[in-house]
Amino acid sequence: MKKIIRNSVIVGFYSFLAITGGMANDRVYVKDIAGIWINESYVEELTKSRMPHLAAKKISPLIIAIRRAGNSYPFVVTNFDEAALQVVLDVEPGNKPGSYRLVLGPDNKPIGSDEVKFLWFRGIRDRDGKFKKLEMAEIFLNNGKWDSYINVGDKIGPFINKIVISGQYKDKDNKLWEFSPEGQAYLPDETFYYELSLRHKDGECEFIEREALEAKDGLKRIGFAWKNGTLNLYEANLHKNKVKCHQDPFKILEPIN
């Protein structure tokens, strides 16, 4: 007969394994690793090119989000093409210092013991007791392969924008252009919110998207590419569910240091 275990019992059981002499040994709670984590190898590749599609073709991005929602901590992992959703039931220490594993279930309801999944991770806390970097054996999209992940906080957008496009620029007429980390674009003649395209399958070039009520799908695209230290902007259009950019840039921007 399949044993049914409630979350409180699971948590108590896994906590018991971490107790020595009545005191928790290097106890780690879910809140200690909450946030958005991204594989460091992708970040390094993205930093080199500053072009998300190009980077993703070389190193597949893997984003793990652990954020509180009510009384639970949903666990979401995605590579921008696929995604998996679980709920973190507990964090259990491993046999070696700095080694742990997440106890995961499909939801925050009573669960069968055979439905529990484990995701191993390891890391060292800083002086403030925070984890800035973790090694995880992600089991849903990465087949349990170990990789290094860095914490980007509560939002992925500003982190990626800072690497790729955010900053101040000037064009050949010395007019100012700016893309903020929070996703706001300040052009010489207009201001709008933008979002970087991160799925390389969506386009044959790099591009940002903005709202455009007059467009059939409600979006307007601007292509971009980094060339010789300049940010080149291109006309971009949707053709059969894929974005294509014009061959020649309509604007070449010089970064302002």
C-alpha atoms as a PDB file:
ATOM      1  CA  MET A   1       0.000   0.000   0.000  1.00  0.00           C
ATOM      2  CA  LYS A   2       1.350   3.405  -0.944  1.00  0.00           C
ATOM      3  CA  LYS A   3       2.167   5.420   2.116  1.00  0.00           C
ATOM      4  CA  ILE A   4       0.567   8.869   2.279  1.00  0.00           C
ATOM      5  CA  ILE A   5       2.639  11.515   4.048  1.00  0.00           C
ATOM      6  CA  ARG A   6       1.569  15.023   4.936  1.00  0.00           C
ATOM      7  CA  ASN A   7       4.000  17.889   4.394  1.00  0.00           C
ATOM      8  CA  SER A   8       4.337  18.585   8.112  1.00  0.00           C
ATOM      9  CA  VAL A   9       5.406  14.975   8.677  1.00  0.00           C
ATOM     10  CA  ILE A  10       7.860  15.127   5.765  1.00  0.00           C
ATOM     11  CA  VAL A  11       9.374  18.338   7.060  1.00  0.00           C
ATOM     12  CA  GLY A  12       9.659  16.920  10.544  1.00  0.00           C
ATOM     13  CA  PHE A  13      11.248  13.717   9.291  1.00  0.00           C
ATOM     14  CA  TYR A  14      13.843  15.453   7.138  1.00  0.00           C
ATOM     15  CA  SER A  15      14.588  17.953   9.904  1.00  0.00           C
ATOM     16  CA  PHE A  16      15.163  15.075  12.315  1.00  0.00           C
ATOM     17  CA  LEU A  17      17.907  13.752  10.033  1.00  0.00           C
ATOM     18  CA  ALA A  18      19.773  17.047  10.416  1.00  0.00           C
ATOM     19  CA  ILE A  19      19.643  17.111  14.206  1.00  0.00           C
ATOM     20  CA  THR A  20      22.599  16.109  16.343  1.00  0.00           C
ATOM     21  CA  GLY A  21      22.206  16.240  20.089  1.00  0.00           C
ATOM     22  CA  GLY A  22      19.007  18.270  19.757  1.00  0.00           C
ATOM     23  CA  MET A  23      20.628  21.085  17.771  1.00  0.00           C
ATOM     24  CA  ALA A  24      20.430  21.694  13.997  1.00  0.00           C
ATOM     25  CA  ASN A  25      23.761  21.259  12.250  1.00  0.00           C
ATOM     26  CA  ASP A  26      24.331  24.050   9.697  1.00  0.00           C
ATOM     27  CA  ARG A  27      20.575  24.194   9.124  1.00  0.00           C
ATOM     28  CA  VAL A  28      19.471  25.689   5.818  1.00  0.00           C
ATOM     29  CA  TYR A  29      15.911  26.801   5.163  1.00  0.00           C
ATOM     30  CA  VAL A  30      14.144  27.391   1.858  1.00  0.00           C
ATOM     31  CA  LYS A  31      14.217  31.159   2.411  1.00  0.00           C
ATOM     32  CA  ASP A  32      18.026  30.973   2.521  1.00  0.00           C
ATOM     33  CA  ILE A  33      18.201  29.931  -1.143  1.00  0.00           C
ATOM     34  CA  ALA A  34      15.139  31.803  -2.423  1.00  0.00           C
ATOM     35  CA  GLY A  35      15.539  33.917  -5.544  1.00  0.00           C
ATOM     36  CA  ILE A  36      16.377  33.387  -9.188  1.00  0.00           C
ATOM     37  CA  TRP A  37      19.436  31.330 -10.099  1.00  0.00           C
ATOM     38  CA  ILE A  38      21.034  31.182 -13.552  1.00  0.00           C
ATOM     39  CA  ASN A  39      23.812  28.905 -14.802  1.00  0.00           C
ATOM     40  CA  GLU A  40      27.142  30.691 -14.665  1.00  0.00           C
ATOM     41  CA  SER A  41      28.422  29.208 -17.935  1.00  0.00           C
ATOM     42  CA  TYR A  42      25.580  30.898 -19.860  1.00  0.00           C
ATOM     43  CA  VAL A  43      26.221  34.212 -18.102  1.00  0.00           C
ATOM     44  CA  GLU A  44      29.895  34.048 -19.073  1.00  0.00           C
ATOM     45  CA  GLU A  45      28.997  33.371 -22.719  1.00  0.00           C
ATOM     46  CA  LEU A  46      26.393  36.146 -22.688  1.00  0.00           C
ATOM     47  CA  THR A  47      28.918  38.592 -21.231  1.00  0.00           C
ATOM     48  CA  LYS A  48      31.318  37.888 -24.101  1.00  0.00           C
ATOM     49  CA  SER A  49      28.872  38.526 -26.942  1.00  0.00           C
ATOM     50  CA  ARG A  50      26.133  40.615 -25.282  1.00  0.00           C
ATOM     51  CA  MET A  51      23.692  38.844 -27.622  1.00  0.00           C
ATOM     52  CA  PRO A  52      21.259  36.382 -25.944  1.00  0.00           C
ATOM     53  CA  HIS A  53      20.370  34.310 -29.032  1.00  0.00           C
ATOM     54  CA  LEU A  54      24.005  33.790 -29.957  1.00  0.00           C
ATOM     55  CA  ALA A  55      24.909  32.861 -26.385  1.00  0.00           C
ATOM     56  CA  ALA A  56      22.003  30.391 -26.101  1.00  0.00           C
ATOM     57  CA  LYS A  57      23.134  28.585 -29.242  1.00  0.00           C
ATOM     58  CA  LYS A  58      26.500  27.917 -27.571  1.00  0.00           C
ATOM     59  CA  ILE A  59      25.439  27.372 -23.950  1.00  0.00           C
ATOM     60  CA  SER A  60      21.837  26.522 -23.098  1.00  0.00           C
ATOM     61  CA  PRO A  61      20.485  28.875 -20.412  1.00  0.00           C
ATOM     62  CA  LEU A  62      18.999  27.290 -17.303  1.00  0.00           C
ATOM     63  CA  ILE A  63      17.043  29.415 -14.850  1.00  0.00           C
ATOM     64  CA  ILE A  64      15.829  28.168 -11.481  1.00  0.00           C
ATOM     65  CA  ALA A  65      13.347  30.295  -9.537  1.00  0.00           C
ATOM     66  CA  ILE A  66      12.479  29.619  -5.895  1.00  0.00           C
ATOM     67  CA  ARG A  67      10.070  32.234  -4.582  1.00  0.00           C
ATOM     68  CA  ARG A  68       7.523  32.273  -1.805  1.00  0.00           C
ATOM     69  CA  ALA A  69       3.842  32.182  -2.783  1.00  0.00           C
ATOM     70  CA  GLY A  70       1.559  32.181   0.258  1.00  0.00           C
ATOM     71  CA  ASN A  71       2.631  29.344   2.534  1.00  0.00           C
ATOM     72  CA  SER A  72       4.664  27.494  -0.098  1.00  0.00           C
ATOM     73  CA  TYR A  73       7.806  27.896  -2.194  1.00  0.00           C
ATOM     74  CA  PRO A  74       7.195  26.985  -5.851  1.00  0.00           C
ATOM     75  CA  PHE A  75      10.258  25.717  -7.703  1.00  0.00           C
ATOM     76  CA  VAL A  76      10.356  26.587 -11.413  1.00  0.00           C
ATOM     77  CA  VAL A  77      13.125  25.641 -13.832  1.00  0.00           C
ATOM     78  CA  THR A  78      13.222  26.723 -17.485  1.00  0.00           C
ATOM     79  CA  ASN A  79      15.564  26.973 -20.465  1.00  0.00           C
ATOM     80  CA  PHE A  80      13.109  29.364 -22.204  1.00  0.00           C
ATOM     81  CA  ASP A  81      11.832  26.451 -24.340  1.00  0.00           C
ATOM     82  CA  GLU A  82      10.633  24.044 -21.649  1.00  0.00           C
ATOM     83  CA  ALA A  83       9.693  24.432 -18.007  1.00  0.00           C
ATOM     84  CA  ALA A  84       9.046  22.269 -14.950  1.00  0.00           C
ATOM     85  CA  LEU A  85       7.127  23.209 -11.814  1.00  0.00           C
ATOM     86  CA  GLN A  86       7.431  21.663  -8.364  1.00  0.00           C
ATOM     87  CA  VAL A  87       7.054  22.814  -4.755  1.00  0.00           C
ATOM     88  CA  VAL A  88       9.901  22.822  -2.237  1.00  0.00           C
ATOM     89  CA  LEU A  89       8.832  20.834   0.819  1.00  0.00           C
ATOM     90  CA  ASP A  90      12.080  21.066   2.767  1.00  0.00           C
ATOM     91  CA  VAL A  91      15.850  21.456   2.604  1.00  0.00           C
ATOM     92  CA  GLU A  92      17.835  18.509   3.936  1.00  0.00           C
ATOM     93  CA  PRO A  93      21.564  18.525   4.797  1.00  0.00           C
ATOM     94  CA  GLY A  94      23.852  16.012   3.104  1.00  0.00           C
ATOM     95  CA  ASN A  95      26.619  13.925   4.599  1.00  0.00           C
ATOM     96  CA  LYS A  96      29.382  16.402   3.699  1.00  0.00           C
ATOM     97  CA  PRO A  97      29.757  20.012   4.887  1.00  0.00           C
ATOM     98  CA  GLY A  98      28.105  22.428   2.488  1.00  0.00           C
ATOM     99  CA  SER A  99      26.053  19.652   0.848  1.00  0.00           C
ATOM    100  CA  TYR A 100      22.240  19.703   0.808  1.00  0.00           C
ATOM    101  CA  ARG A 101      19.251  18.522  -1.161  1.00  0.00           C
ATOM    102  CA  LEU A 102      15.870  20.039  -1.936  1.00  0.00           C
ATOM    103  CA  VAL A 103      12.867  17.878  -1.151  1.00  0.00           C
ATOM    104  CA  LEU A 104      10.404  18.486  -3.996  1.00  0.00           C
ATOM    105  CA  GLY A 105       6.796  17.513  -4.610  1.00  0.00           C
ATOM    106  CA  PRO A 106       4.246  18.199  -7.346  1.00  0.00           C
ATOM    107  CA  ASP A 107       2.194  20.456  -5.052  1.00  0.00           C
ATOM    108  CA  ASN A 108       1.735  21.566  -1.464  1.00  0.00           C
ATOM    109  CA  LYS A 109      -0.895  18.936  -0.630  1.00  0.00           C
ATOM    110  CA  PRO A 110      -0.641  15.533   1.067  1.00  0.00           C
ATOM    111  CA  ILE A 111       1.771  13.504  -1.009  1.00  0.00           C
ATOM    112  CA  GLY A 112       2.769   9.902  -1.556  1.00  0.00           C
ATOM    113  CA  SER A 113       6.300   9.040  -0.452  1.00  0.00           C
ATOM    114  CA  ASP A 114       7.079   7.721  -3.935  1.00  0.00           C
ATOM    115  CA  GLU A 115       6.293  11.147  -5.435  1.00  0.00           C
ATOM    116  CA  VAL A 116       9.049  12.981  -3.579  1.00  0.00           C
ATOM    117  CA  LYS A 117      12.017  14.060  -5.695  1.00  0.00           C
ATOM    118  CA  PHE A 118      15.447  15.200  -4.541  1.00  0.00           C
ATOM    119  CA  LEU A 119      17.675  17.847  -6.093  1.00  0.00           C
ATOM    120  CA  TRP A 120      21.190  17.949  -4.685  1.00  0.00           C
ATOM    121  CA  PHE A 121      23.094  21.202  -4.285  1.00  0.00           C
ATOM    122  CA  ARG A 122      26.155  22.472  -2.492  1.00  0.00           C
ATOM    123  CA  GLY A 123      27.442  25.881  -1.546  1.00  0.00           C
ATOM    124  CA  ILE A 124      29.196  28.008   1.053  1.00  0.00           C
ATOM    125  CA  ARG A 125      27.519  30.929   2.772  1.00  0.00           C
ATOM    126  CA  ASP A 126      29.148  34.339   2.990  1.00  0.00           C
ATOM    127  CA  ARG A 127      29.660  36.260   6.232  1.00  0.00           C
ATOM    128  CA  ASP A 128      26.039  37.409   6.120  1.00  0.00           C
ATOM    129  CA  GLY A 129      24.838  33.813   5.931  1.00  0.00           C
ATOM    130  CA  LYS A 130      23.724  34.173   2.302  1.00  0.00           C
ATOM    131  CA  PHE A 131      24.403  31.922  -0.657  1.00  0.00           C
ATOM    132  CA  LYS A 132      25.709  33.917  -3.642  1.00  0.00           C
ATOM    133  CA  LYS A 133      26.669  30.890  -5.709  1.00  0.00           C
ATOM    134  CA  LEU A 134      25.500  27.277  -5.731  1.00  0.00           C
ATOM    135  CA  GLU A 135      26.333  24.096  -7.539  1.00  0.00           C
ATOM    136  CA  MET A 136      23.172  22.168  -8.393  1.00  0.00           C
ATOM    137  CA  ALA A 137      22.450  18.801  -9.964  1.00  0.00           C
ATOM    138  CA  GLU A 138      19.275  19.915 -11.759  1.00  0.00           C
ATOM    139  CA  ILE A 139      17.124  16.844 -12.490  1.00  0.00           C
ATOM    140  CA  PHE A 140      14.268  18.070 -14.707  1.00  0.00           C
ATOM    141  CA  LEU A 141      15.933  19.706 -17.723  1.00  0.00           C
ATOM    142  CA  ASN A 142      19.598  18.949 -17.084  1.00  0.00           C
ATOM    143  CA  ASN A 143      19.411  15.223 -16.240  1.00  0.00           C
ATOM    144  CA  GLY A 144      21.087  15.624 -12.853  1.00  0.00           C
ATOM    145  CA  LYS A 145      24.223  17.198 -14.324  1.00  0.00           C
ATOM    146  CA  TRP A 146      26.140  19.422 -11.905  1.00  0.00           C
ATOM    147  CA  ASP A 147      26.530  23.066 -12.864  1.00  0.00           C
ATOM    148  CA  SER A 148      27.306  26.369 -11.123  1.00  0.00           C
ATOM    149  CA  TYR A 149      24.529  28.918 -10.612  1.00  0.00           C
ATOM    150  CA  ILE A 150      24.578  32.527  -9.443  1.00  0.00           C
ATOM    151  CA  ASN A 151      21.778  34.373  -7.684  1.00  0.00           C
ATOM    152  CA  VAL A 152      20.375  37.333  -9.629  1.00  0.00           C
ATOM    153  CA  GLY A 153      17.799  38.408  -7.023  1.00  0.00           C
ATOM    154  CA  ASP A 154      14.049  38.533  -7.566  1.00  0.00           C
ATOM    155  CA  LYS A 155      13.965  39.470 -11.283  1.00  0.00           C
ATOM    156  CA  ILE A 156      15.827  38.066 -14.272  1.00  0.00           C
ATOM    157  CA  GLY A 157      15.101  40.995 -16.624  1.00  0.00           C
ATOM    158  CA  PRO A 158      17.267  43.720 -15.039  1.00  0.00           C
ATOM    159  CA  PHE A 159      20.178  41.299 -14.654  1.00  0.00           C
ATOM    160  CA  ILE A 160      20.154  40.315 -18.349  1.00  0.00           C
ATOM    161  CA  ASN A 161      19.492  43.884 -19.502  1.00  0.00           C
ATOM    162  CA  LYS A 162      22.566  45.151 -17.651  1.00  0.00           C
ATOM    163  CA  ILE A 163      24.766  42.664 -19.451  1.00  0.00           C
ATOM    164  CA  VAL A 164      23.263  43.097 -22.920  1.00  0.00           C
ATOM    165  CA  ILE A 165      21.903  46.535 -23.643  1.00  0.00           C
ATOM    166  CA  SER A 166      21.286  48.870 -20.716  1.00  0.00           C
ATOM    167  CA  GLY A 167      23.273  52.095 -20.742  1.00  0.00           C
ATOM    168  CA  GLN A 168      23.487  55.505 -22.379  1.00  0.00           C
ATOM    169  CA  TYR A 169      24.438  56.068 -26.009  1.00  0.00           C
ATOM    170  CA  LYS A 170      24.724  58.809 -28.583  1.00  0.00           C
ATOM    171  CA  ASP A 171      24.094  58.668 -32.325  1.00  0.00           C
ATOM    172  CA  LYS A 172      26.029  60.462 -35.089  1.00  0.00           C
ATOM    173  CA  ASP A 173      23.954  63.597 -34.458  1.00  0.00           C
ATOM    174  CA  ASN A 174      24.935  63.511 -30.759  1.00  0.00           C
ATOM    175  CA  LYS A 175      21.369  62.728 -29.725  1.00  0.00           C
ATOM    176  CA  LEU A 176      21.038  60.715 -26.538  1.00  0.00           C
ATOM    177  CA  TRP A 177      19.597  57.200 -26.340  1.00  0.00           C
ATOM    178  CA  GLU A 178      19.182  55.171 -23.166  1.00  0.00           C
ATOM    179  CA  PHE A 179      18.030  51.672 -22.219  1.00  0.00           C
ATOM    180  CA  SER A 180      17.491  51.214 -18.491  1.00  0.00           C
ATOM    181  CA  PRO A 181      18.059  47.930 -16.611  1.00  0.00           C
ATOM    182  CA  GLU A 182      14.395  48.003 -15.582  1.00  0.00           C
ATOM    183  CA  GLY A 183      13.296  47.836 -19.235  1.00  0.00           C
ATOM    184  CA  GLN A 184      12.557  51.424 -20.170  1.00  0.00           C
ATOM    185  CA  ALA A 185      13.876  52.937 -23.406  1.00  0.00           C
ATOM    186  CA  TYR A 186      14.453  56.681 -23.743  1.00  0.00           C
ATOM    187  CA  LEU A 187      14.827  57.562 -27.418  1.00  0.00           C
ATOM    188  CA  PRO A 188      15.243  61.071 -28.824  1.00  0.00           C
ATOM    189  CA  ASP A 189      11.595  61.156 -29.949  1.00  0.00           C
ATOM    190  CA  GLU A 190       9.791  58.607 -27.740  1.00  0.00           C
ATOM    191  CA  THR A 191       9.846  56.567 -24.540  1.00  0.00           C
ATOM    192  CA  PHE A 192       8.600  53.008 -24.100  1.00  0.00           C
ATOM    193  CA  TYR A 193       9.061  49.808 -22.137  1.00  0.00           C
ATOM    194  CA  TYR A 194      11.042  47.047 -23.818  1.00  0.00           C
ATOM    195  CA  GLU A 195      11.772  43.367 -23.285  1.00  0.00           C
ATOM    196  CA  LEU A 196      14.727  41.409 -24.616  1.00  0.00           C
ATOM    197  CA  SER A 197      14.041  38.282 -26.650  1.00  0.00           C
ATOM    198  CA  LEU A 198      15.815  35.377 -24.943  1.00  0.00           C
ATOM    199  CA  ARG A 199      14.533  32.431 -27.015  1.00  0.00           C
ATOM    200  CA  HIS A 200      16.885  32.030 -29.978  1.00  0.00           C
ATOM    201  CA  LYS A 201      14.222  29.995 -31.817  1.00  0.00           C
ATOM    202  CA  ASP A 202      12.038  33.120 -32.053  1.00  0.00           C
ATOM    203  CA  GLY A 203      14.256  35.008 -34.466  1.00  0.00           C
ATOM    204  CA  GLU A 204      17.089  34.960 -36.944  1.00  0.00           C
ATOM    205  CA  CYS A 205      18.570  38.012 -35.220  1.00  0.00           C
ATOM    206  CA  GLU A 206      18.697  39.614 -31.791  1.00  0.00           C
ATOM    207  CA  PHE A 207      15.766  41.878 -30.975  1.00  0.00           C
ATOM    208  CA  ILE A 208      13.791  43.701 -28.332  1.00  0.00           C
ATOM    209  CA  GLU A 209      10.007  43.912 -28.171  1.00  0.00           C
ATOM    210  CA  ARG A 210       7.696  46.771 -27.252  1.00  0.00           C
ATOM    211  CA  GLU A 211       3.942  47.202 -27.150  1.00  0.00           C
ATOM    212  CA  ALA A 212       2.365  48.482 -30.371  1.00  0.00           C
ATOM    213  CA  LEU A 213      -1.423  48.561 -30.494  1.00  0.00           C
ATOM    214  CA  GLU A 214      -1.437  49.078 -34.265  1.00  0.00           C
ATOM    215  CA  ALA A 215       0.482  45.846 -34.908  1.00  0.00           C
ATOM    216  CA  LYS A 216      -1.413  42.631 -35.656  1.00  0.00           C
ATOM    217  CA  ASP A 217       0.089  40.826 -32.686  1.00  0.00           C
ATOM    218  CA  GLY A 218       0.342  43.975 -30.530  1.00  0.00           C
ATOM    219  CA  LEU A 219       4.147  44.080 -30.634  1.00  0.00           C
ATOM    220  CA  LYS A 220       6.847  45.975 -32.469  1.00  0.00           C
ATOM    221  CA  ARG A 221      10.419  44.685 -32.726  1.00  0.00           C
ATOM    222  CA  ILE A 222      13.768  46.415 -33.013  1.00  0.00           C
ATOM    223  CA  GLY A 223      16.732  44.280 -34.012  1.00  0.00           C
ATOM    224  CA  PHE A 224      20.204  44.853 -32.609  1.00  0.00           C
ATOM    225  CA  ALA A 225      23.756  43.590 -32.810  1.00  0.00           C
ATOM    226  CA  TRP A 226      27.042  44.551 -31.207  1.00  0.00           C
ATOM    227  CA  LYS A 227      29.750  45.309 -33.783  1.00  0.00           C
ATOM    228  CA  ASN A 228      33.157  46.791 -33.032  1.00  0.00           C
ATOM    229  CA  GLY A 229      31.945  48.187 -29.728  1.00  0.00           C
ATOM    230  CA  THR A 230      28.875  49.904 -31.195  1.00  0.00           C
ATOM    231  CA  LEU A 231      25.206  49.032 -30.799  1.00  0.00           C
ATOM    232  CA  ASN A 232      23.633  48.629 -34.251  1.00  0.00           C
ATOM    233  CA  LEU A 233      19.837  48.885 -34.505  1.00  0.00           C
ATOM    234  CA  TYR A 234      17.798  47.300 -37.309  1.00  0.00           C
ATOM    235  CA  GLU A 235      14.272  47.279 -38.608  1.00  0.00           C
ATOM    236  CA  ALA A 236      12.751  43.948 -37.581  1.00  0.00           C
ATOM    237  CA  ASN A 237       9.572  42.218 -38.697  1.00  0.00           C
ATOM    238  CA  LEU A 238       7.718  38.996 -37.985  1.00  0.00           C
ATOM    239  CA  HIS A 239       7.659  36.476 -40.835  1.00  0.00           C
ATOM    240  CA  LYS A 240       5.892  33.148 -40.269  1.00  0.00           C
ATOM    241  CA  ASN A 241       6.348  33.239 -36.487  1.00  0.00           C
ATOM    242  CA  LYS A 242      10.023  34.171 -36.754  1.00  0.00           C
ATOM    243  CA  VAL A 243      11.593  37.617 -36.500  1.00  0.00           C
ATOM    244  CA  LYS A 244      13.912  38.752 -39.282  1.00  0.00           C
ATOM    245  CA  CYS A 245      16.070  41.884 -39.302  1.00  0.00           C
ATOM    246  CA  HIS A 246      16.929  44.188 -42.183  1.00  0.00           C
ATOM    247  CA  GLN A 247      20.466  43.784 -43.488  1.00  0.00           C
ATOM    248  CA  ASP A 248      21.564  47.381 -42.849  1.00  0.00           C
ATOM    249  CA  PRO A 249      21.224  49.211 -39.514  1.00  0.00           C
ATOM    250  CA  PHE A 250      19.040  52.294 -39.311  1.00  0.00           C
ATOM    251  CA  LYS A 251      21.068  53.611 -36.388  1.00  0.00           C
ATOM    252  CA  ILE A 252      24.565  53.055 -34.980  1.00  0.00           C
ATOM    253  CA  LEU A 253      25.002  54.051 -31.341  1.00  0.00           C
ATOM    254  CA  GLU A 254      28.205  54.788 -29.470  1.00  0.00           C
ATOM    255  CA  PRO A 255      28.192  53.888 -25.755  1.00  0.00           C
ATOM    256  CA  ILE A 256      28.753  56.779 -23.388  1.00  0.00           C
ATOM    257  CA  ASN A 257      31.243  55.831 -20.682  1.00  0.00           C
END
